Amino acid sequence: MNIDMARNKGASLFNLKLLNQLQIRRVIYYNGPLTRQQIANELGVSLPTVTTNVAAMLADGLLTEYEGESTTSHAGRRPQLVDFNADSRFAVGLEFGPYGAFACVTNLRGRILYKKELSSPSKNYERMLIDVSTQCQMIIRESKVPPHQVLGIGLGLPGFIDSQRGTVRTGLYSSWADRELAADLRRQTYLPVWIDNNARMRTYWREMFSGRDTPSTFVYLFVSKGIACPLMIKNDILAGKHASAGEIGHTTILPDGPICPTCGRKGCLESLSSEAAILAQVQATLGHDTTWDMQKVLMAQRQGNSTVCDIMKQAVGYLGLAAANIFNFISPNLLSIDGLIFENEENRKELIEVVQSNLFGLSTEEAKIEFLPHNSYSGASGAAAFVVRQSLLA
């Protein structure tokens, strides 16, 4: 065998080992704890292949094993189960959203070890890089996790974010546009950095860290100042060629409706049903001497204010039509809904009623909907989940 052939063979064996470990990690993360034989059966590989790779990851501390319960009534050796050692690695997650900046540190299974609300990032790009680097160092130090066990940093941002290239197409501030944010932060922090749209980060939180059973295909309707709807298809988010998939907020619902201040077109869903749209309608109608926020709006709805109730009913009705269109178009296994407005039970009932009245070809049982509790840290936690995913499972 000549030198080039030997090198190619060595490289192939090395790549095969990495691929085997990646596949094993995925199976264990989403289905563990498992026996080695169960892993081999799931992947269709030999037991020795699994045993060799698991041994390497046990030695590295990434995996752990313990005795499971015997599955038979006969005495004998209990099965040895393999699972992730959740506290062997950690991730930093950040979300810079329209209502604030939030940070957390999690373990591999999403347990939050530290969280903190941060000051809003600077519009000046260079200043922001320095501030974020300083904040990340502080977060890691205050969390008391070993720095060498931190996998990296995830950052969720509103706008069109190209996660593969680590660039901001359009985002929180125009001064950040067309910047290689992930690479620039990596140079500042000396840690791997991944960025993505903040609604997509929340979808990763739902899939990996929520503690709920998650189908391989589902959608995440996020209603906040704007509206977004990432699609998880066979355990992978559809971002689209230009990182713009999931922008349901700017699909037209009412052609002669109000003009959207974001996209400039009439009657998009965001102009009708977002928190910004609801607040604008309430303020214009009832403003007078009161400055309204969503908590005040929801309280007024609970107290039966007829004007607020009418505005909310209409806004939720348009959201229900959009949700029904989602079911009719792609038939997801689950629609997860995240939005402060659904803290009020009447809004949940209204949306479900509108969806069920506009389904085609699906029964009401097949159009499964869940309402997630509002959590200011879901975006930051999802950014940490993205770090785990990109570091160990992608």
Protein backbone atom coordinates (compact mmCIF):
# COMPACT_ATOMS: atom_id res chain seq x y z
CA MET A 1 0.00 0.00 0.00
CA ASN A 2 1.47 3.39 -0.99
CA ILE A 3 1.56 6.38 1.36
CA ASP A 4 -1.40 8.20 -0.26
CA MET A 5 -3.59 5.11 -0.07
CA ALA A 6 -2.64 4.62 3.59
CA ARG A 7 -3.43 8.23 4.35
CA ASN A 8 -6.79 8.01 2.59
CA LYS A 9 -7.63 4.80 4.42
CA GLY A 10 -6.64 6.35 7.74
CA ALA A 11 -8.72 9.45 7.04
CA SER A 12 -11.70 7.30 6.04
CA LEU A 13 -11.49 5.24 9.23
CA PHE A 14 -11.23 8.42 11.30
CA ASN A 15 -14.24 9.96 9.56
CA LEU A 16 -16.20 6.73 10.00
CA LYS A 17 -15.45 6.76 13.72
CA LEU A 18 -16.67 10.37 13.99
CA LEU A 19 -19.82 9.51 12.04
CA ASN A 20 -20.49 6.50 14.26
CA GLN A 21 -20.09 8.58 17.41
CA LEU A 22 -22.37 11.29 16.02
CA GLN A 23 -25.09 8.77 15.19
CA ILE A 24 -24.74 7.12 18.60
CA ARG A 25 -24.96 10.47 20.37
CA ARG A 26 -28.14 11.36 18.46
CA VAL A 27 -29.83 8.07 19.30
CA ILE A 28 -28.91 8.33 22.97
CA TYR A 29 -29.86 12.00 23.28
CA TYR A 30 -33.34 11.59 21.83
CA ASN A 31 -34.10 8.04 23.02
CA GLY A 32 -31.85 7.30 25.99
CA PRO A 33 -31.13 5.72 28.30
CA LEU A 34 -30.46 2.68 26.13
CA THR A 35 -28.47 -0.52 26.26
CA ARG A 36 -25.63 -0.96 23.80
CA GLN A 37 -27.64 -3.62 22.00
CA GLN A 38 -30.61 -1.26 21.65
CA ILE A 39 -28.31 1.37 20.15
CA ALA A 40 -26.89 -1.18 17.71
CA ASN A 41 -30.38 -2.29 16.70
CA GLU A 42 -31.56 1.28 16.21
CA LEU A 43 -28.61 2.17 13.97
CA GLY A 44 -28.24 -1.16 12.22
CA VAL A 45 -24.57 -1.47 13.13
CA SER A 46 -22.62 -4.16 14.96
CA LEU A 47 -22.52 -4.37 18.74
CA PRO A 48 -18.68 -4.14 18.80
CA THR A 49 -18.88 -0.86 16.85
CA VAL A 50 -21.25 0.57 19.46
CA THR A 51 -19.21 -0.80 22.36
CA THR A 52 -15.95 0.73 21.07
CA ASN A 53 -17.45 4.16 20.47
CA VAL A 54 -19.42 4.22 23.70
CA ALA A 55 -16.27 3.32 25.61
CA ALA A 56 -14.49 6.34 24.14
CA MET A 57 -17.31 8.68 25.14
CA LEU A 58 -17.52 7.14 28.63
CA ALA A 59 -13.81 7.75 29.08
CA ASP A 60 -14.31 11.35 27.96
CA GLY A 61 -17.04 11.80 30.57
CA LEU A 62 -19.66 12.72 27.97
CA LEU A 63 -21.67 9.56 28.63
CA THR A 64 -22.49 7.69 31.80
CA GLU A 65 -23.81 4.19 32.47
CA TYR A 66 -25.78 2.54 35.21
CA GLU A 67 -27.75 -0.60 35.93
CA GLY A 68 -31.32 -0.67 34.73
CA GLU A 69 -34.22 -2.73 36.00
CA SER A 70 -34.29 -6.34 34.94
CA THR A 71 -36.84 -7.05 32.21
CA THR A 72 -37.31 -10.68 33.26
CA SER A 73 -38.28 -12.44 36.46
CA HIS A 74 -35.10 -14.56 36.35
CA ALA A 75 -32.10 -13.66 38.44
CA GLY A 76 -29.14 -12.45 36.48
CA ARG A 77 -27.16 -9.46 35.46
CA ARG A 78 -29.17 -6.29 35.07
CA PRO A 79 -28.92 -4.42 31.75
CA GLN A 80 -26.31 -1.68 31.55
CA LEU A 81 -27.92 1.54 30.34
CA VAL A 82 -26.04 4.34 28.62
CA ASP A 83 -27.09 8.00 28.73
CA PHE A 84 -25.60 11.46 28.51
CA ASN A 85 -23.79 12.78 31.55
CA ALA A 86 -25.87 15.96 31.63
CA ASP A 87 -23.38 17.96 33.71
CA SER A 88 -20.32 17.02 31.67
CA ARG A 89 -20.72 20.01 29.34
CA PHE A 90 -22.49 23.37 29.46
CA ALA A 91 -23.80 25.98 27.05
CA VAL A 92 -24.34 29.73 27.18
CA GLY A 93 -27.53 31.04 25.58
CA LEU A 94 -28.42 34.66 24.80
CA GLU A 95 -31.50 36.24 23.29
CA PHE A 96 -31.59 39.84 22.12
CA GLY A 97 -35.27 40.45 21.50
CA PRO A 98 -37.60 43.41 21.07
CA TYR A 99 -38.47 43.42 24.78
CA GLY A 100 -35.07 42.88 26.31
CA ALA A 101 -31.90 40.82 26.50
CA PHE A 102 -31.73 37.56 28.44
CA ALA A 103 -28.94 35.09 29.18
CA CYS A 104 -28.62 31.68 30.76
CA VAL A 105 -26.23 28.78 31.25
CA THR A 106 -27.62 25.26 30.92
CA ASN A 107 -26.38 21.72 31.10
CA LEU A 108 -26.83 19.25 28.24
CA ARG A 109 -30.44 18.50 29.17
CA GLY A 110 -31.54 22.09 29.58
CA ARG A 111 -31.35 22.51 33.34
CA ILE A 112 -30.75 26.23 33.87
CA LEU A 113 -27.83 26.75 36.22
CA TYR A 114 -27.75 30.52 35.91
CA LYS A 115 -29.90 33.21 34.32
CA LYS A 116 -29.75 36.97 34.09
CA GLU A 117 -31.52 39.82 32.34
CA LEU A 118 -28.95 41.95 30.53
CA SER A 119 -28.89 45.54 29.38
CA SER A 120 -29.97 46.03 25.78
CA PRO A 121 -27.12 45.67 23.28
CA SER A 122 -25.54 48.73 21.73
CA LYS A 123 -26.56 49.74 18.21
CA ASN A 124 -22.88 50.30 17.52
CA TYR A 125 -21.64 46.97 16.19
CA GLU A 126 -18.08 47.16 17.49
CA ARG A 127 -19.24 48.31 20.91
CA MET A 128 -21.77 45.49 21.01
CA LEU A 129 -19.07 42.88 20.30
CA ILE A 130 -16.99 44.10 23.25
CA ASP A 131 -20.02 44.27 25.54
CA VAL A 132 -21.24 40.77 24.64
CA SER A 133 -17.77 39.32 25.13
CA THR A 134 -17.54 40.95 28.56
CA GLN A 135 -21.03 39.79 29.50
CA CYS A 136 -20.32 36.20 28.44
CA GLN A 137 -17.16 36.10 30.55
CA MET A 138 -19.18 37.43 33.50
CA ILE A 139 -21.98 34.90 32.91
CA ILE A 140 -19.58 31.95 32.85
CA ARG A 141 -17.76 33.20 35.93
CA GLU A 142 -20.93 33.82 37.94
CA SER A 143 -22.47 30.49 36.90
CA LYS A 144 -19.46 28.74 38.46
CA VAL A 145 -19.32 26.12 35.71
CA PRO A 146 -15.79 25.05 34.68
CA PRO A 147 -14.85 27.25 31.69
CA HIS A 148 -13.16 24.35 29.86
CA GLN A 149 -16.49 22.46 29.90
CA VAL A 150 -18.40 25.23 28.10
CA LEU A 151 -19.26 24.09 24.57
CA GLY A 152 -19.90 27.56 23.24
CA ILE A 153 -22.34 30.46 22.95
CA GLY A 154 -25.68 30.65 21.17
CA LEU A 155 -27.35 33.94 20.29
CA GLY A 156 -30.93 34.40 19.12
CA LEU A 157 -31.94 37.56 17.27
CA PRO A 158 -35.05 38.76 15.45
CA GLY A 159 -34.74 39.14 11.69
CA PHE A 160 -33.27 37.15 8.82
CA ILE A 161 -30.32 35.30 10.32
CA ASP A 162 -28.22 32.92 8.22
CA SER A 163 -27.16 30.40 10.84
CA GLN A 164 -24.98 28.39 8.44
CA ARG A 165 -22.84 31.39 7.54
CA GLY A 166 -23.24 33.07 10.92
CA THR A 167 -24.37 36.33 9.35
CA VAL A 168 -27.13 38.85 9.95
CA ARG A 169 -29.07 39.70 6.79
CA THR A 170 -31.49 42.02 8.55
CA GLY A 171 -31.82 42.22 12.28
CA LEU A 172 -32.36 44.18 15.43
CA TYR A 173 -30.43 47.20 14.13
CA SER A 174 -29.56 48.20 10.57
CA SER A 175 -25.96 48.80 11.67
CA TRP A 176 -25.61 45.05 12.27
CA ALA A 177 -26.75 44.05 8.78
CA ASP A 178 -24.42 42.01 6.55
CA ARG A 179 -22.02 41.41 9.44
CA GLU A 180 -20.34 38.08 10.19
CA LEU A 181 -21.59 38.17 13.74
CA ALA A 182 -20.76 34.58 14.75
CA ALA A 183 -17.15 34.81 13.54
CA ASP A 184 -16.66 38.26 15.08
CA LEU A 185 -17.97 37.11 18.46
CA ARG A 186 -15.84 33.98 18.25
CA ARG A 187 -12.73 36.15 17.91
CA GLN A 188 -13.81 38.21 20.92
CA THR A 189 -14.83 35.37 23.24
CA TYR A 190 -12.44 32.59 22.13
CA LEU A 191 -15.42 30.22 22.16
CA PRO A 192 -17.48 28.65 19.37
CA VAL A 193 -20.47 30.86 18.58
CA TRP A 194 -23.70 30.07 16.74
CA ILE A 195 -26.46 32.51 15.86
CA ASP A 196 -29.99 32.10 14.53
CA ASN A 197 -33.40 33.73 14.51
CA ASN A 198 -34.79 33.94 18.05
CA ALA A 199 -38.08 32.22 17.15
CA ARG A 200 -36.14 29.30 15.69
CA MET A 201 -34.10 29.17 18.90
CA ARG A 202 -37.35 28.79 20.85
CA THR A 203 -38.26 25.90 18.59
CA TYR A 204 -35.01 24.18 19.55
CA TRP A 205 -35.92 24.78 23.20
CA ARG A 206 -39.25 23.04 22.64
CA GLU A 207 -37.60 20.09 20.90
CA MET A 208 -34.64 19.54 23.22
CA PHE A 209 -35.13 21.25 26.58
CA SER A 210 -38.87 21.51 27.28
CA GLY A 211 -39.12 18.05 28.85
CA ARG A 212 -42.15 17.28 26.68
CA ASP A 213 -42.54 14.52 24.10
CA THR A 214 -41.80 16.08 20.73
CA PRO A 215 -42.85 14.77 17.32
CA SER A 216 -40.28 14.91 14.52
CA THR A 217 -42.44 17.35 12.56
CA PHE A 218 -44.11 20.29 14.30
CA VAL A 219 -44.50 24.06 14.02
CA TYR A 220 -43.90 26.75 16.62
CA LEU A 221 -46.16 29.79 16.40
CA PHE A 222 -44.49 32.63 18.31
CA VAL A 223 -46.68 35.67 18.96
CA SER A 224 -44.80 38.62 20.39
CA LYS A 225 -44.15 42.14 19.14
CA GLY A 226 -44.06 40.38 15.78
CA ILE A 227 -45.22 36.94 14.66
CA ALA A 228 -43.10 34.04 13.41
CA CYS A 229 -43.70 30.35 12.79
CA PRO A 230 -40.60 28.14 12.41
CA LEU A 231 -41.14 24.67 10.95
CA MET A 232 -39.38 21.62 12.40
CA ILE A 233 -39.48 18.93 9.72
CA LYS A 234 -38.07 15.51 10.57
CA ASN A 235 -36.00 16.96 13.43
CA ASP A 236 -34.52 19.73 11.32
CA ILE A 237 -35.69 23.34 11.07
CA LEU A 238 -36.53 24.62 7.61
CA ALA A 239 -34.75 27.95 7.29
CA GLY A 240 -35.06 28.22 3.50
CA LYS A 241 -32.48 29.27 0.95
CA HIS A 242 -32.42 32.86 2.19
CA ALA A 243 -33.03 32.18 5.92
CA SER A 244 -36.54 33.62 5.62
CA ALA A 245 -38.75 30.55 6.08
CA GLY A 246 -41.35 30.77 8.83
CA GLU A 247 -42.23 34.45 8.35
CA ILE A 248 -45.96 33.82 8.61
CA GLY A 249 -46.40 37.24 10.16
CA HIS A 250 -46.00 38.84 6.75
CA THR A 251 -48.44 36.67 4.86
CA THR A 252 -51.53 38.57 3.77
CA ILE A 253 -54.73 37.80 5.69
CA LEU A 254 -56.84 40.89 4.95
CA PRO A 255 -55.89 42.55 1.62
CA ASP A 256 -57.51 45.87 2.55
CA GLY A 257 -56.30 45.78 6.16
CA PRO A 258 -54.00 48.17 7.98
CA ILE A 259 -50.50 48.92 6.73
CA CYS A 260 -47.77 46.95 8.49
CA PRO A 261 -44.95 49.22 9.75
CA THR A 262 -42.44 46.40 9.24
CA CYS A 263 -43.15 45.16 5.70
CA GLY A 264 -45.15 48.13 4.43
CA ARG A 265 -47.97 46.03 2.97
CA LYS A 266 -51.64 45.95 3.86
CA GLY A 267 -53.31 43.36 6.02
CA CYS A 268 -50.49 40.98 6.88
CA LEU A 269 -51.00 38.83 9.98
CA GLU A 270 -48.53 40.92 11.99
CA SER A 271 -50.48 44.12 11.26
CA LEU A 272 -53.61 42.46 12.64
CA SER A 273 -52.62 40.12 15.46
CA SER A 274 -49.19 40.92 16.85
CA GLU A 275 -48.77 42.49 20.28
CA ALA A 276 -47.70 45.69 18.52
CA ALA A 277 -50.93 45.72 16.48
CA ILE A 278 -53.13 44.97 19.49
CA LEU A 279 -51.47 47.68 21.58
CA ALA A 280 -51.79 50.21 18.76
CA GLN A 281 -55.53 49.53 18.44
CA VAL A 282 -56.13 49.71 22.20
CA GLN A 283 -54.04 52.85 22.58
CA ALA A 284 -55.84 54.57 19.70
CA THR A 285 -59.25 53.64 21.08
CA LEU A 286 -58.76 53.89 24.84
CA GLY A 287 -55.45 55.70 25.23
CA HIS A 288 -56.51 58.98 26.74
CA ASP A 289 -54.35 59.28 29.88
CA THR A 290 -53.23 55.63 29.99
CA THR A 291 -50.11 54.11 28.44
CA TRP A 292 -51.07 50.56 27.62
CA ASP A 293 -48.88 47.46 27.73
CA MET A 294 -49.90 43.83 27.18
CA GLN A 295 -50.34 43.10 30.87
CA LYS A 296 -52.82 45.98 31.16
CA VAL A 297 -54.62 44.81 28.01
CA LEU A 298 -54.95 41.26 29.30
CA MET A 299 -56.19 42.51 32.67
CA ALA A 300 -58.80 44.70 30.95
CA GLN A 301 -59.92 41.69 28.93
CA ARG A 302 -60.27 39.60 32.07
CA GLN A 303 -62.31 42.39 33.64
CA GLY A 304 -64.67 42.37 30.66
CA ASN A 305 -63.79 45.69 28.99
CA SER A 306 -65.94 45.40 25.86
CA THR A 307 -63.61 47.37 23.59
CA VAL A 308 -60.55 45.37 24.58
CA CYS A 309 -62.50 42.10 24.32
CA ASP A 310 -63.58 42.96 20.76
CA ILE A 311 -60.02 43.87 19.73
CA MET A 312 -58.61 40.66 21.22
CA LYS A 313 -61.32 38.48 19.68
CA GLN A 314 -60.58 39.86 16.23
CA ALA A 315 -56.80 39.53 16.62
CA VAL A 316 -57.03 35.95 17.89
CA GLY A 317 -59.51 35.13 15.13
CA TYR A 318 -56.98 36.08 12.47
CA LEU A 319 -54.34 34.00 14.27
CA GLY A 320 -56.79 31.08 14.22
CA LEU A 321 -57.22 31.41 10.46
CA ALA A 322 -53.44 31.41 10.00
CA ALA A 323 -53.11 28.35 12.24
CA ALA A 324 -55.82 26.51 10.30
CA ASN A 325 -53.99 27.34 7.07
CA ILE A 326 -50.83 25.83 8.54
CA PHE A 327 -52.64 22.58 9.32
CA ASN A 328 -54.29 22.50 5.90
CA PHE A 329 -51.00 23.19 4.11
CA ILE A 330 -48.42 20.96 5.83
CA SER A 331 -50.42 18.90 8.36
CA PRO A 332 -47.89 19.05 11.22
CA ASN A 333 -48.08 16.57 14.07
CA LEU A 334 -48.28 19.45 16.53
CA LEU A 335 -48.77 23.21 16.64
CA SER A 336 -46.94 24.71 19.64
CA ILE A 337 -48.12 28.21 20.47
CA ASP A 338 -46.02 30.63 22.51
CA GLY A 339 -47.48 34.02 23.28
CA LEU A 340 -48.37 36.17 26.26
CA ILE A 341 -51.87 36.79 24.90
CA PHE A 342 -52.69 33.12 25.44
CA GLU A 343 -52.30 33.47 29.18
CA ASN A 344 -56.00 34.40 29.02
CA GLU A 345 -58.12 31.27 28.69
CA GLU A 346 -60.72 32.95 26.46
CA ASN A 347 -58.05 33.57 23.82
CA ARG A 348 -57.07 29.90 23.83
CA LYS A 349 -60.69 28.84 23.39
CA GLU A 350 -61.25 31.36 20.61
CA LEU A 351 -58.22 30.22 18.65
CA ILE A 352 -59.11 26.53 18.94
CA GLU A 353 -62.67 27.25 17.83
CA VAL A 354 -61.53 29.19 14.75
CA VAL A 355 -58.97 26.52 13.83
CA GLN A 356 -61.47 23.70 14.13
CA SER A 357 -64.00 25.62 12.03
CA ASN A 358 -61.52 26.04 9.18
CA LEU A 359 -59.83 22.64 8.92
CA PHE A 360 -59.95 20.67 5.70
CA GLY A 361 -59.34 16.94 5.63
CA LEU A 362 -58.31 16.75 9.27
CA SER A 363 -60.32 15.91 12.33
CA THR A 364 -60.12 18.13 15.38
CA GLU A 365 -58.19 15.34 17.15
CA GLU A 366 -55.62 15.24 14.33
CA ALA A 367 -55.00 19.00 14.54
CA LYS A 368 -53.13 18.90 17.83
CA ILE A 369 -52.48 22.25 19.53
CA GLU A 370 -50.57 23.05 22.71
CA PHE A 371 -50.18 26.38 24.48
CA LEU A 372 -46.80 26.86 26.10
CA PRO A 373 -46.43 28.88 29.29
CA HIS A 374 -44.96 32.29 28.64
CA ASN A 375 -41.28 32.32 29.65
CA SER A 376 -38.88 35.20 29.10
CA TYR A 377 -35.93 32.77 29.07
CA SER A 378 -37.19 30.30 26.44
CA GLY A 379 -35.23 32.10 23.72
CA ALA A 380 -31.97 32.14 25.66
CA SER A 381 -32.47 28.52 26.72
CA GLY A 382 -33.19 27.62 23.10
CA ALA A 383 -29.94 29.31 22.07
CA ALA A 384 -28.13 27.07 24.57
CA ALA A 385 -29.97 24.06 23.10
CA PHE A 386 -28.71 25.10 19.67
CA VAL A 387 -25.15 25.05 21.02
CA VAL A 388 -25.64 21.48 22.28
CA ARG A 389 -27.19 20.47 18.98
CA GLN A 390 -24.45 22.00 16.83
CA SER A 391 -21.63 20.77 19.07
CA LEU A 392 -22.74 17.19 19.68
CA LEU A 393 -25.67 16.22 17.46
CA ALA A 394 -25.18 17.90 14.07
